[in-house]
PDB file of N, CA and C in Angstrom:
ATOM      1  N   UNK A   1     100.419 101.618 168.080  1.00  0.00           N
ATOM      2  CA  UNK A   1     100.193 101.064 166.869  1.00  0.00           C
ATOM      3  C   UNK A   1     101.165 100.186 166.300  1.00  0.00           C
ATOM      4  N   UNK A   2     101.794 100.382 166.010  1.00  0.00           N
ATOM      5  CA  UNK A   2     103.349 100.160 165.192  1.00  0.00           C
ATOM      6  C   UNK A   2     103.236  98.948 165.837  1.00  0.00           C
ATOM      7  N   UNK A   3     103.606  98.942 167.173  1.00  0.00           N
ATOM      8  CA  UNK A   3     103.444  96.987 166.926  1.00  0.00           C
ATOM      9  C   UNK A   3     102.860  96.305 166.352  1.00  0.00           C
ATOM     10  N   UNK A   4     101.243  96.875 166.496  1.00  0.00           N
ATOM     11  CA  UNK A   4     100.751  96.505 165.719  1.00  0.00           C
ATOM     12  C   UNK A   4     100.160  95.486 164.469  1.00  0.00           C
ATOM     13  N   UNK A   5     100.783  96.482 164.227  1.00  0.00           N
ATOM     14  CA  UNK A   5     100.970  96.595 162.700  1.00  0.00           C
ATOM     15  C   UNK A   5     102.352  95.349 162.215  1.00  0.00           C
ATOM     16  N   UNK A   6     102.824  95.831 162.640  1.00  0.00           N
ATOM     17  CA  UNK A   6     103.960  94.474 162.884  1.00  0.00           C
ATOM     18  C   UNK A   6     104.113  92.873 164.203  1.00  0.00           C
ATOM     19  N   UNK A   7     102.943  92.973 164.246  1.00  0.00           N
ATOM     20  CA  UNK A   7     102.287  91.184 164.850  1.00  0.00           C
ATOM     21  C   UNK A   7     102.415  91.006 163.582  1.00  0.00           C
ATOM     22  N   UNK A   8     100.915  92.236 162.940  1.00  0.00           N
ATOM     23  CA  UNK A   8      99.534  91.301 161.854  1.00  0.00           C
ATOM     24  C   UNK A   8     101.297  90.899 159.934  1.00  0.00           C
ATOM     25  N   UNK A   9     101.997  91.358 160.695  1.00  0.00           N
ATOM     26  CA  UNK A   9     103.519  91.392 159.818  1.00  0.00           C
ATOM     27  C   UNK A   9     103.828  89.889 159.842  1.00  0.00           C
ATOM     28  N   UNK A  10     104.429  90.153 160.711  1.00  0.00           N
ATOM     29  CA  UNK A  10     105.345  88.571 161.280  1.00  0.00           C
ATOM     30  C   UNK A  10     103.865  87.515 161.324  1.00  0.00           C
ATOM     31  N   UNK A  11     102.440  87.595 161.912  1.00  0.00           N
ATOM     32  CA  UNK A  11     101.251  86.410 160.816  1.00  0.00           C
ATOM     33  C   UNK A  11     101.801  85.670 159.965  1.00  0.00           C
ATOM     34  N   UNK A  12     100.823  87.158 159.582  1.00  0.00           N
ATOM     35  CA  UNK A  12     101.231  86.661 157.480  1.00  0.00           C
ATOM     36  C   UNK A  12     102.060  85.809 157.582  1.00  0.00           C
ATOM     37  N   UNK A  13     104.077  86.116 157.601  1.00  0.00           N
ATOM     38  CA  UNK A  13     105.208  85.617 157.688  1.00  0.00           C
ATOM     39  C   UNK A  13     105.192  83.966 157.714  1.00  0.00           C
ATOM     40  N   UNK A  14     104.234  83.957 159.178  1.00  0.00           N
ATOM     41  CA  UNK A  14     103.951  82.516 160.128  1.00  0.00           C
ATOM     42  C   UNK A  14     103.370  81.562 158.893  1.00  0.00           C
ATOM     43  N   UNK A  15     102.170  82.080 158.749  1.00  0.00           N
ATOM     44  CA  UNK A  15     101.202  81.771 157.775  1.00  0.00           C
ATOM     45  C   UNK A  15     101.610  81.254 156.076  1.00  0.00           C
ATOM     46  N   UNK A  16     102.214  81.774 155.451  1.00  0.00           N
ATOM     47  CA  UNK A  16     102.895  81.847 154.754  1.00  0.00           C
ATOM     48  C   UNK A  16     103.676  80.507 154.330  1.00  0.00           C
ATOM     49  N   UNK A  17     104.330  80.729 155.376  1.00  0.00           N
ATOM     50  CA  UNK A  17     105.150  80.221 154.927  1.00  0.00           C
ATOM     51  C   UNK A  17     106.032  78.422 154.554  1.00  0.00           C
ATOM     52  N   UNK A  18     104.065  77.586 155.476  1.00  0.00           N
ATOM     53  CA  UNK A  18     104.269  76.534 154.736  1.00  0.00           C
ATOM     54  C   UNK A  18     104.146  76.553 153.520  1.00  0.00           C
ATOM     55  N   UNK A  19     102.939  77.054 153.395  1.00  0.00           N
ATOM     56  CA  UNK A  19     102.349  77.392 151.245  1.00  0.00           C
ATOM     57  C   UNK A  19     103.613  77.656 150.700  1.00  0.00           C
ATOM     58  N   UNK A  20     104.844  78.380 151.206  1.00  0.00           N
ATOM     59  CA  UNK A  20     106.128  78.549 150.315  1.00  0.00           C
ATOM     60  C   UNK A  20     106.755  77.221 150.025  1.00  0.00           C
ATOM     61  N   UNK A  21     107.285  76.426 151.663  1.00  0.00           N
ATOM     62  CA  UNK A  21     107.722  75.892 151.343  1.00  0.00           C
ATOM     63  C   UNK A  21     106.984  74.249 151.136  1.00  0.00           C
ATOM     64  N   UNK A  22     106.236  73.590 151.566  1.00  0.00           N
ATOM     65  CA  UNK A  22     105.290  72.842 151.576  1.00  0.00           C
ATOM     66  C   UNK A  22     104.170  72.614 150.725  1.00  0.00           C
ATOM     67  N   UNK A  23     104.464  73.016 149.801  1.00  0.00           N
ATOM     68  CA  UNK A  23     102.289  73.202 149.195  1.00  0.00           C
ATOM     69  C   UNK A  23     101.618  71.777 149.150  1.00  0.00           C
ATOM     70  N   UNK A  24     102.431  70.775 148.684  1.00  0.00           N
ATOM     71  CA  UNK A  24     101.599  69.415 149.122  1.00  0.00           C
ATOM     72  C   UNK A  24     100.932  68.219 149.294  1.00  0.00           C
ATOM     73  N   UNK A  25     101.904  69.093 150.825  1.00  0.00           N
ATOM     74  CA  UNK A  25     102.067  68.887 152.053  1.00  0.00           C
ATOM     75  C   UNK A  25     100.442  70.115 152.821  1.00  0.00           C
ATOM     76  N   UNK A  26     100.974  71.382 152.070  1.00  0.00           N
ATOM     77  CA  UNK A  26      99.508  71.560 153.153  1.00  0.00           C
ATOM     78  C   UNK A  26      98.030  71.498 152.330  1.00  0.00           C
ATOM     79  N   UNK A  27      97.944  70.937 151.438  1.00  0.00           N
ATOM     80  CA  UNK A  27      96.687  70.690 150.688  1.00  0.00           C
ATOM     81  C   UNK A  27      96.266  69.084 150.643  1.00  0.00           C
ATOM     82  N   UNK A  28      97.477  68.341 151.469  1.00  0.00           N
ATOM     83  CA  UNK A  28      96.425  66.907 151.794  1.00  0.00           C
ATOM     84  C   UNK A  28      96.428  67.756 152.916  1.00  0.00           C
ATOM     85  N   UNK A  29      97.530  68.132 153.727  1.00  0.00           N
ATOM     86  CA  UNK A  29      96.856  68.519 155.141  1.00  0.00           C
ATOM     87  C   UNK A  29      95.089  69.793 155.476  1.00  0.00           C
ATOM     88  N   UNK A  30      95.122  69.929 154.204  1.00  0.00           N
ATOM     89  CA  UNK A  30      93.776  70.785 153.979  1.00  0.00           C
ATOM     90  C   UNK A  30      92.191  70.188 153.842  1.00  0.00           C
ATOM     91  N   UNK A  31      93.402  69.059 153.054  1.00  0.00           N
ATOM     92  CA  UNK A  31      92.229  68.164 152.379  1.00  0.00           C
ATOM     93  C   UNK A  31      91.685  67.454 154.033  1.00  0.00           C
ATOM     94  N   UNK A  32      92.679  67.152 154.901  1.00  0.00           N
ATOM     95  CA  UNK A  32      91.530  66.528 156.183  1.00  0.00           C
ATOM     96  C   UNK A  32      91.640  67.405 157.135  1.00  0.00           C
ATOM     97  N   UNK A  33      91.111  68.304 157.080  1.00  0.00           N
ATOM     98  CA  UNK A  33      90.244  69.665 158.009  1.00  0.00           C
ATOM     99  C   UNK A  33      89.171  69.649 156.762  1.00  0.00           C
ATOM    100  N   UNK A  34      88.872  70.032 155.881  1.00  0.00           N
ATOM    101  CA  UNK A  34      88.147  69.421 155.308  1.00  0.00           C
ATOM    102  C   UNK A  34      87.308  68.798 155.202  1.00  0.00           C
ATOM    103  N   UNK A  35      87.423  67.596 155.121  1.00  0.00           N
ATOM    104  CA  UNK A  35      87.368  66.371 155.527  1.00  0.00           C
ATOM    105  C   UNK A  35      85.890  65.759 157.210  1.00  0.00           C
ATOM    106  N   UNK A  36      86.512  67.134 158.747  1.00  0.00           N
ATOM    107  CA  UNK A  36      86.885  67.034 160.008  1.00  0.00           C
ATOM    108  C   UNK A  36      85.701  67.392 159.971  1.00  0.00           C
ATOM    109  N   UNK A  37      84.658  67.243 161.111  1.00  0.00           N
ATOM    110  CA  UNK A  37      83.393  67.464 161.745  1.00  0.00           C
ATOM    111  C   UNK A  37      83.512  68.927 161.715  1.00  0.00           C
ATOM    112  N   UNK A  38      81.663  69.335 161.697  1.00  0.00           N
ATOM    113  CA  UNK A  38      82.407  71.142 162.564  1.00  0.00           C
ATOM    114  C   UNK A  38      82.512  71.409 164.261  1.00  0.00           C
ATOM    115  N   UNK A  39      82.681  69.788 164.737  1.00  0.00           N
ATOM    116  CA  UNK A  39      82.493  69.764 166.066  1.00  0.00           C
ATOM    117  C   UNK A  39      84.609  69.667 166.371  1.00  0.00           C
ATOM    118  N   UNK A  40      84.224  68.768 165.879  1.00  0.00           N
ATOM    119  CA  UNK A  40      86.011  68.697 166.109  1.00  0.00           C
ATOM    120  C   UNK A  40      86.695  69.743 165.877  1.00  0.00           C
ATOM    121  N   UNK A  41      86.459  70.864 164.999  1.00  0.00           N
ATOM    122  CA  UNK A  41      87.223  71.645 164.320  1.00  0.00           C
ATOM    123  C   UNK A  41      87.441  72.696 165.611  1.00  0.00           C
ATOM    124  N   UNK A  42      86.239  73.345 167.027  1.00  0.00           N
ATOM    125  CA  UNK A  42      85.887  74.113 166.972  1.00  0.00           C
ATOM    126  C   UNK A  42      86.990  73.078 168.160  1.00  0.00           C
ATOM    127  N   UNK A  43      86.900  72.835 168.702  1.00  0.00           N
ATOM    128  CA  UNK A  43      87.459  71.723 170.195  1.00  0.00           C
ATOM    129  C   UNK A  43      89.053  72.070 169.435  1.00  0.00           C
ATOM    130  N   UNK A  44      90.149  71.776 167.759  1.00  0.00           N
ATOM    131  CA  UNK A  44      91.398  72.712 167.657  1.00  0.00           C
ATOM    132  C   UNK A  44      91.527  73.833 167.490  1.00  0.00           C
ATOM    133  N   UNK A  45      89.887  75.143 167.057  1.00  0.00           N
ATOM    134  CA  UNK A  45      89.998  76.253 167.659  1.00  0.00           C
ATOM    135  C   UNK A  45      89.997  77.250 168.809  1.00  0.00           C
ATOM    136  N   UNK A  46      89.494  76.333 170.219  1.00  0.00           N
ATOM    137  CA  UNK A  46      90.140  76.014 170.907  1.00  0.00           C
ATOM    138  C   UNK A  46      90.780  76.234 171.448  1.00  0.00           C
ATOM    139  N   UNK A  47      91.197  74.863 171.888  1.00  0.00           N
ATOM    140  CA  UNK A  47      92.954  74.295 171.922  1.00  0.00           C
ATOM    141  C   UNK A  47      93.895  75.397 171.604  1.00  0.00           C
ATOM    142  N   UNK A  48      93.438  75.626 170.623  1.00  0.00           N
ATOM    143  CA  UNK A  48      94.970  77.168 169.910  1.00  0.00           C
ATOM    144  C   UNK A  48      94.923  78.413 170.360  1.00  0.00           C
ATOM    145  N   UNK A  49      93.126  79.231 171.049  1.00  0.00           N
ATOM    146  CA  UNK A  49      92.908  80.214 170.700  1.00  0.00           C
ATOM    147  C   UNK A  49      93.440  79.703 173.215  1.00  0.00           C
ATOM    148  N   UNK A  50      93.536  78.998 173.795  1.00  0.00           N
ATOM    149  CA  UNK A  50      93.883  78.795 174.828  1.00  0.00           C
ATOM    150  C   UNK A  50      95.178  78.514 174.134  1.00  0.00           C
ATOM    151  N   UNK A  51      96.091  77.777 173.404  1.00  0.00           N
ATOM    152  CA  UNK A  51      97.226  78.091 173.650  1.00  0.00           C
ATOM    153  C   UNK A  51      98.038  79.179 173.506  1.00  0.00           C
ATOM    154  N   UNK A  52      97.347  80.060 172.291  1.00  0.00           N
ATOM    155  CA  UNK A  52      97.577  81.698 172.564  1.00  0.00           C
ATOM    156  C   UNK A  52      97.425  82.403 173.646  1.00  0.00           C
ATOM    157  N   UNK A  53      96.427  81.973 174.041  1.00  0.00           N
ATOM    158  CA  UNK A  53      96.213  83.657 175.888  1.00  0.00           C
ATOM    159  C   UNK A  53      97.562  82.339 176.507  1.00  0.00           C
ATOM    160  N   UNK A  54      97.615  81.717 176.446  1.00  0.00           N
ATOM    161  CA  UNK A  54      98.956  81.111 177.792  1.00  0.00           C
ATOM    162  C   UNK A  54      99.832  81.747 177.522  1.00  0.00           C
ATOM    163  N   UNK A  55     100.392  82.084 176.073  1.00  0.00           N
ATOM    164  CA  UNK A  55     101.899  82.615 175.667  1.00  0.00           C
ATOM    165  C   UNK A  55     101.614  83.922 176.079  1.00  0.00           C
ATOM    166  N   UNK A  56     100.228  84.594 175.533  1.00  0.00           N
ATOM    167  CA  UNK A  56     100.433  86.554 175.692  1.00  0.00           C
ATOM    168  C   UNK A  56     100.457  86.030 176.898  1.00  0.00           C
ATOM    169  N   UNK A  57      99.608  84.869 178.282  1.00  0.00           N
ATOM    170  CA  UNK A  57     100.182  85.385 179.643  1.00  0.00           C
ATOM    171  C   UNK A  57     101.850  85.502 180.268  1.00  0.00           C
ATOM    172  N   UNK A  58     101.554  84.245 180.325  1.00  0.00           N
ATOM    173  CA  UNK A  58     102.904  84.282 180.112  1.00  0.00           C
ATOM    174  C   UNK A  58     104.253  85.054 179.926  1.00  0.00           C
ATOM    175  N   UNK A  59     104.095  85.527 178.565  1.00  0.00           N
ATOM    176  CA  UNK A  59     105.126  86.998 178.220  1.00  0.00           C
ATOM    177  C   UNK A  59     104.447  88.468 179.182  1.00  0.00           C
ATOM    178  N   UNK A  60     103.175  88.353 178.963  1.00  0.00           N
ATOM    179  CA  UNK A  60     104.132  89.815 179.481  1.00  0.00           C
ATOM    180  C   UNK A  60     103.189  89.541 181.244  1.00  0.00           C
ATOM    181  N   UNK A  61     103.084  89.136 182.190  1.00  0.00           N
ATOM    182  CA  UNK A  61     102.326  88.796 183.032  1.00  0.00           C
ATOM    183  C   UNK A  61     103.855  88.098 184.281  1.00  0.00           C
ATOM    184  N   UNK A  62     104.886  87.404 183.609  1.00  0.00           N
ATOM    185  CA  UNK A  62     105.886  86.629 184.568  1.00  0.00           C
ATOM    186  C   UNK A  62     106.927  86.863 183.729  1.00  0.00           C
ATOM    187  N   UNK A  63     108.318  86.887 184.735  1.00  0.00           N
ATOM    188  CA  UNK A  63     109.654  87.318 184.538  1.00  0.00           C
ATOM    189  C   UNK A  63     110.270  86.486 183.555  1.00  0.00           C
ATOM    190  N   UNK A  64     109.650  85.847 182.929  1.00  0.00           N
ATOM    191  CA  UNK A  64     110.268  84.065 182.232  1.00  0.00           C
ATOM    192  C   UNK A  64     110.663  84.391 181.043  1.00  0.00           C
ATOM    193  N   UNK A  65     110.941  85.452 180.772  1.00  0.00           N
ATOM    194  CA  UNK A  65     111.295  86.283 179.878  1.00  0.00           C
ATOM    195  C   UNK A  65     112.555  87.671 179.224  1.00  0.00           C
ATOM    196  N   UNK A  66     112.780  87.576 180.506  1.00  0.00           N
ATOM    197  CA  UNK A  66     113.634  89.506 181.564  1.00  0.00           C
ATOM    198  C   UNK A  66     114.845  88.846 180.626  1.00  0.00           C
TER     199      UNK A  66
END
């Protein structure tokens, strides 16, 4: 449980850093996202989930980070 909450905290830190350091750029980027079609956003989300799963698999199942 401690590990889960640590990961959630790290996600919040990583998600908040761009807004803290580059607020104007984030506003422009978010405006571009609002202009995208939902199907494009789904593809981007699918790619992000796939990359996340791949990173988790590599981290947990290989000796790459030992």
